[in-house]
Amino acid sequence: MAGRFVSAVTCAGASMLVLVDYINQHRHRSGVEPICAVLKDAGVQIAPSPYYAAKTRPLTARAIWDAELAVNIKIAHKANLGVDGVRKIHGRGA
């Protein structure tokens, strides 16, 4: 069981957003508490209470801005037939 859960989250410094997303994707299989226990055994510290707190907390202004920026980058990349790289898209200010 540990291999299934730990495969997507291997870094001990994973951000809370990544951990919350990971737990959301897999909690229907065995629940939040067992996933947190397996992650803890793998060196990723998260308990169920911070997970639930992070789920109910509103998004920060930075998180909202990052999401909007990601959409703009995808639009700019698609507008140029997907051939522009990081430097050109960054140069355009997307």
N, C-alpha and C. Protein backbone atom coordinates (compact mmCIF):
# COMPACT_ATOMS: atom_id res chain seq x y z
N MET A 1 0.83 -1.20 0.00
CA MET A 1 0.00 0.00 0.00
C MET A 1 0.86 1.24 0.00
N ALA A 2 1.97 1.26 0.68
CA ALA A 2 2.79 2.46 0.77
C ALA A 2 3.28 2.91 -0.59
N GLY A 3 3.61 2.00 -1.47
CA GLY A 3 4.14 2.36 -2.78
C GLY A 3 3.16 3.16 -3.61
N ARG A 4 1.88 2.85 -3.50
CA ARG A 4 0.88 3.57 -4.29
C ARG A 4 0.79 5.03 -3.86
N PHE A 5 0.84 5.28 -2.57
CA PHE A 5 0.65 6.63 -2.08
C PHE A 5 1.90 7.48 -2.21
N VAL A 6 3.05 6.91 -1.99
CA VAL A 6 4.28 7.68 -1.93
C VAL A 6 4.83 7.98 -3.32
N SER A 7 4.39 7.25 -4.35
CA SER A 7 4.96 7.43 -5.67
C SER A 7 4.81 8.85 -6.20
N ALA A 8 3.70 9.51 -5.93
CA ALA A 8 3.49 10.85 -6.45
C ALA A 8 4.08 11.93 -5.56
N VAL A 9 4.30 11.64 -4.30
CA VAL A 9 4.86 12.63 -3.38
C VAL A 9 6.10 12.02 -2.76
N THR A 10 7.25 12.40 -3.28
CA THR A 10 8.48 11.81 -2.76
C THR A 10 9.34 12.81 -2.03
N CYS A 11 9.03 14.06 -2.15
CA CYS A 11 9.87 15.12 -1.59
C CYS A 11 9.38 15.50 -0.20
N ALA A 12 10.29 15.51 0.76
CA ALA A 12 9.92 15.86 2.13
C ALA A 12 9.55 17.34 2.24
N GLY A 13 9.95 18.17 1.30
CA GLY A 13 9.65 19.59 1.33
C GLY A 13 8.47 19.97 0.46
N ALA A 14 7.57 19.05 0.20
CA ALA A 14 6.44 19.33 -0.67
C ALA A 14 5.57 20.43 -0.06
N SER A 15 5.05 21.29 -0.91
CA SER A 15 4.23 22.39 -0.41
C SER A 15 2.87 21.87 0.06
N MET A 16 2.24 22.64 0.91
CA MET A 16 0.94 22.24 1.45
C MET A 16 -0.08 22.08 0.33
N LEU A 17 -0.04 22.96 -0.68
CA LEU A 17 -1.00 22.85 -1.78
C LEU A 17 -0.84 21.53 -2.53
N VAL A 18 0.39 21.11 -2.74
CA VAL A 18 0.65 19.84 -3.42
C VAL A 18 0.14 18.69 -2.57
N LEU A 19 0.40 18.74 -1.27
CA LEU A 19 -0.05 17.67 -0.39
C LEU A 19 -1.57 17.60 -0.32
N VAL A 20 -2.22 18.75 -0.21
CA VAL A 20 -3.69 18.77 -0.15
C VAL A 20 -4.26 18.21 -1.44
N ASP A 21 -3.71 18.60 -2.57
CA ASP A 21 -4.18 18.09 -3.86
C ASP A 21 -3.98 16.58 -3.95
N TYR A 22 -2.81 16.12 -3.52
CA TYR A 22 -2.53 14.69 -3.55
C TYR A 22 -3.51 13.91 -2.69
N ILE A 23 -3.74 14.38 -1.48
CA ILE A 23 -4.67 13.68 -0.57
C ILE A 23 -6.08 13.71 -1.15
N ASN A 24 -6.48 14.83 -1.74
CA ASN A 24 -7.81 14.90 -2.35
C ASN A 24 -7.99 13.87 -3.45
N GLN A 25 -6.94 13.65 -4.23
CA GLN A 25 -7.02 12.70 -5.34
C GLN A 25 -7.13 11.26 -4.87
N HIS A 26 -6.63 10.96 -3.67
CA HIS A 26 -6.56 9.57 -3.23
C HIS A 26 -7.39 9.24 -1.99
N ARG A 27 -8.04 10.22 -1.39
CA ARG A 27 -8.73 9.97 -0.13
C ARG A 27 -9.94 9.06 -0.25
N HIS A 28 -10.51 8.95 -1.44
CA HIS A 28 -11.67 8.07 -1.61
C HIS A 28 -11.29 6.60 -1.47
N ARG A 29 -10.01 6.27 -1.65
CA ARG A 29 -9.57 4.87 -1.55
C ARG A 29 -9.47 4.38 -0.11
N SER A 30 -8.86 5.19 0.75
CA SER A 30 -8.64 4.70 2.11
C SER A 30 -8.84 5.74 3.19
N GLY A 31 -9.13 6.99 2.84
CA GLY A 31 -9.34 8.02 3.83
C GLY A 31 -8.12 8.88 4.07
N VAL A 32 -8.31 10.00 4.72
CA VAL A 32 -7.26 10.98 4.93
C VAL A 32 -6.22 10.50 5.94
N GLU A 33 -6.68 9.96 7.06
CA GLU A 33 -5.75 9.57 8.13
C GLU A 33 -4.74 8.52 7.68
N PRO A 34 -5.15 7.44 6.99
CA PRO A 34 -4.15 6.46 6.53
C PRO A 34 -3.15 7.05 5.53
N ILE A 35 -3.61 7.94 4.67
CA ILE A 35 -2.69 8.57 3.71
C ILE A 35 -1.67 9.41 4.46
N CYS A 36 -2.12 10.18 5.45
CA CYS A 36 -1.20 11.00 6.24
C CYS A 36 -0.18 10.12 6.97
N ALA A 37 -0.62 8.97 7.45
CA ALA A 37 0.30 8.07 8.15
C ALA A 37 1.37 7.53 7.21
N VAL A 38 0.96 7.15 5.99
CA VAL A 38 1.93 6.64 5.02
C VAL A 38 2.90 7.74 4.61
N LEU A 39 2.38 8.94 4.40
CA LEU A 39 3.26 10.06 4.03
C LEU A 39 4.25 10.36 5.16
N LYS A 40 3.78 10.28 6.39
CA LYS A 40 4.67 10.52 7.53
C LYS A 40 5.79 9.49 7.57
N ASP A 41 5.45 8.23 7.31
CA ASP A 41 6.46 7.17 7.27
C ASP A 41 7.48 7.41 6.15
N ALA A 42 7.04 8.10 5.10
CA ALA A 42 7.93 8.39 3.97
C ALA A 42 8.72 9.68 4.19
N GLY A 43 8.51 10.34 5.34
CA GLY A 43 9.27 11.55 5.64
C GLY A 43 8.57 12.84 5.28
N VAL A 44 7.32 12.76 4.86
CA VAL A 44 6.55 13.96 4.52
C VAL A 44 5.61 14.24 5.68
N GLN A 45 5.85 15.33 6.40
CA GLN A 45 5.09 15.62 7.61
C GLN A 45 3.79 16.35 7.29
N ILE A 46 2.69 15.65 7.44
CA ILE A 46 1.37 16.27 7.37
C ILE A 46 0.43 15.45 8.24
N ALA A 47 -0.34 16.13 9.04
CA ALA A 47 -1.33 15.49 9.89
C ALA A 47 -2.71 15.81 9.32
N PRO A 48 -3.72 15.06 9.70
CA PRO A 48 -5.06 15.33 9.18
C PRO A 48 -5.58 16.73 9.50
N SER A 49 -5.31 17.26 10.69
CA SER A 49 -5.87 18.58 11.03
C SER A 49 -5.34 19.70 10.14
N PRO A 50 -4.05 19.80 9.84
CA PRO A 50 -3.61 20.84 8.91
C PRO A 50 -4.16 20.64 7.49
N TYR A 51 -4.37 19.38 7.11
CA TYR A 51 -4.98 19.10 5.80
C TYR A 51 -6.38 19.70 5.74
N TYR A 52 -7.20 19.42 6.76
CA TYR A 52 -8.57 19.95 6.77
C TYR A 52 -8.56 21.48 6.88
N ALA A 53 -7.64 22.04 7.64
CA ALA A 53 -7.55 23.50 7.76
C ALA A 53 -7.17 24.12 6.41
N ALA A 54 -6.23 23.50 5.71
CA ALA A 54 -5.80 24.03 4.41
C ALA A 54 -6.92 23.92 3.38
N LYS A 55 -7.74 22.89 3.49
CA LYS A 55 -8.85 22.73 2.55
C LYS A 55 -9.91 23.82 2.72
N THR A 56 -10.12 24.26 3.94
CA THR A 56 -11.19 25.23 4.19
C THR A 56 -10.69 26.68 4.12
N ARG A 57 -9.39 26.87 4.12
CA ARG A 57 -8.81 28.21 4.07
C ARG A 57 -9.01 28.82 2.68
N PRO A 58 -9.40 30.09 2.58
CA PRO A 58 -9.56 30.71 1.26
C PRO A 58 -8.20 30.88 0.57
N LEU A 59 -8.23 30.93 -0.75
CA LEU A 59 -7.00 31.12 -1.50
C LEU A 59 -6.38 32.48 -1.22
N THR A 60 -5.06 32.52 -1.21
CA THR A 60 -4.37 33.79 -1.03
C THR A 60 -4.37 34.57 -2.34
N ALA A 61 -4.08 35.86 -2.25
CA ALA A 61 -4.00 36.68 -3.46
C ALA A 61 -2.92 36.14 -4.40
N ARG A 62 -1.83 35.64 -3.84
CA ARG A 62 -0.75 35.09 -4.66
C ARG A 62 -1.21 33.84 -5.41
N ALA A 63 -1.96 32.97 -4.74
CA ALA A 63 -2.45 31.75 -5.38
C ALA A 63 -3.41 32.08 -6.52
N ILE A 64 -4.25 33.07 -6.31
CA ILE A 64 -5.18 33.50 -7.36
C ILE A 64 -4.41 34.09 -8.54
N TRP A 65 -3.42 34.93 -8.25
CA TRP A 65 -2.60 35.53 -9.30
C TRP A 65 -1.85 34.46 -10.08
N ASP A 66 -1.28 33.47 -9.38
CA ASP A 66 -0.56 32.38 -10.04
C ASP A 66 -1.48 31.60 -10.98
N ALA A 67 -2.72 31.34 -10.55
CA ALA A 67 -3.67 30.61 -11.39
C ALA A 67 -4.02 31.41 -12.64
N GLU A 68 -4.22 32.71 -12.48
CA GLU A 68 -4.51 33.56 -13.64
C GLU A 68 -3.33 33.62 -14.59
N LEU A 69 -2.14 33.71 -14.03
CA LEU A 69 -0.93 33.75 -14.86
C LEU A 69 -0.76 32.45 -15.63
N ALA A 70 -1.05 31.32 -15.01
CA ALA A 70 -0.93 30.03 -15.70
C ALA A 70 -1.88 29.97 -16.90
N VAL A 71 -3.08 30.50 -16.73
CA VAL A 71 -4.03 30.54 -17.85
C VAL A 71 -3.49 31.41 -18.97
N ASN A 72 -2.96 32.59 -18.63
CA ASN A 72 -2.41 33.48 -19.64
C ASN A 72 -1.23 32.86 -20.38
N ILE A 73 -0.41 32.14 -19.68
CA ILE A 73 0.74 31.47 -20.31
C ILE A 73 0.25 30.40 -21.28
N LYS A 74 -0.73 29.63 -20.89
CA LYS A 74 -1.28 28.60 -21.77
C LYS A 74 -1.89 29.22 -23.02
N ILE A 75 -2.58 30.34 -22.87
CA ILE A 75 -3.18 31.02 -24.02
C ILE A 75 -2.10 31.53 -24.96
N ALA A 76 -1.07 32.16 -24.41
CA ALA A 76 0.02 32.68 -25.24
C ALA A 76 0.75 31.55 -25.96
N HIS A 77 0.96 30.44 -25.28
CA HIS A 77 1.64 29.30 -25.88
C HIS A 77 0.81 28.71 -27.02
N LYS A 78 -0.49 28.56 -26.79
CA LYS A 78 -1.38 28.00 -27.80
C LYS A 78 -1.54 28.95 -28.99
N ALA A 79 -1.55 30.26 -28.73
CA ALA A 79 -1.72 31.24 -29.81
C ALA A 79 -0.59 31.17 -30.82
N ASN A 80 0.57 30.71 -30.39
CA ASN A 80 1.71 30.60 -31.29
C ASN A 80 1.99 29.15 -31.65
N LEU A 81 0.89 28.38 -31.76
CA LEU A 81 0.93 26.98 -32.20
C LEU A 81 1.78 26.10 -31.30
N GLY A 82 2.00 26.52 -30.08
CA GLY A 82 2.72 25.71 -29.12
C GLY A 82 4.21 25.58 -29.38
N VAL A 83 4.76 26.50 -30.16
CA VAL A 83 6.18 26.39 -30.48
C VAL A 83 7.06 27.34 -29.68
N ASP A 84 6.48 28.35 -29.07
CA ASP A 84 7.28 29.29 -28.28
C ASP A 84 7.71 28.66 -26.97
N GLY A 85 8.93 28.94 -26.59
CA GLY A 85 9.47 28.44 -25.34
C GLY A 85 9.32 29.43 -24.21
N VAL A 86 9.96 29.13 -23.12
CA VAL A 86 9.87 29.93 -21.92
C VAL A 86 10.36 31.35 -22.16
N ARG A 87 11.49 31.51 -22.83
CA ARG A 87 12.06 32.84 -23.01
C ARG A 87 11.15 33.77 -23.82
N LYS A 88 10.56 33.26 -24.90
CA LYS A 88 9.69 34.12 -25.72
C LYS A 88 8.41 34.47 -24.98
N ILE A 89 7.82 33.50 -24.31
CA ILE A 89 6.57 33.78 -23.59
C ILE A 89 6.84 34.73 -22.43
N HIS A 90 7.94 34.54 -21.73
CA HIS A 90 8.30 35.44 -20.63
C HIS A 90 8.59 36.84 -21.17
N GLY A 91 9.24 36.93 -22.32
CA GLY A 91 9.54 38.22 -22.93
C GLY A 91 8.31 39.00 -23.30
N ARG A 92 7.24 38.31 -23.64
CA ARG A 92 5.98 38.97 -23.98
C ARG A 92 5.21 39.41 -22.74
N GLY A 93 5.62 38.94 -21.59
CA GLY A 93 4.93 39.33 -20.37
C GLY A 93 3.65 38.57 -20.13
N ALA A 94 3.55 37.37 -20.65
CA ALA A 94 2.34 36.57 -20.48
C ALA A 94 2.20 36.11 -19.10
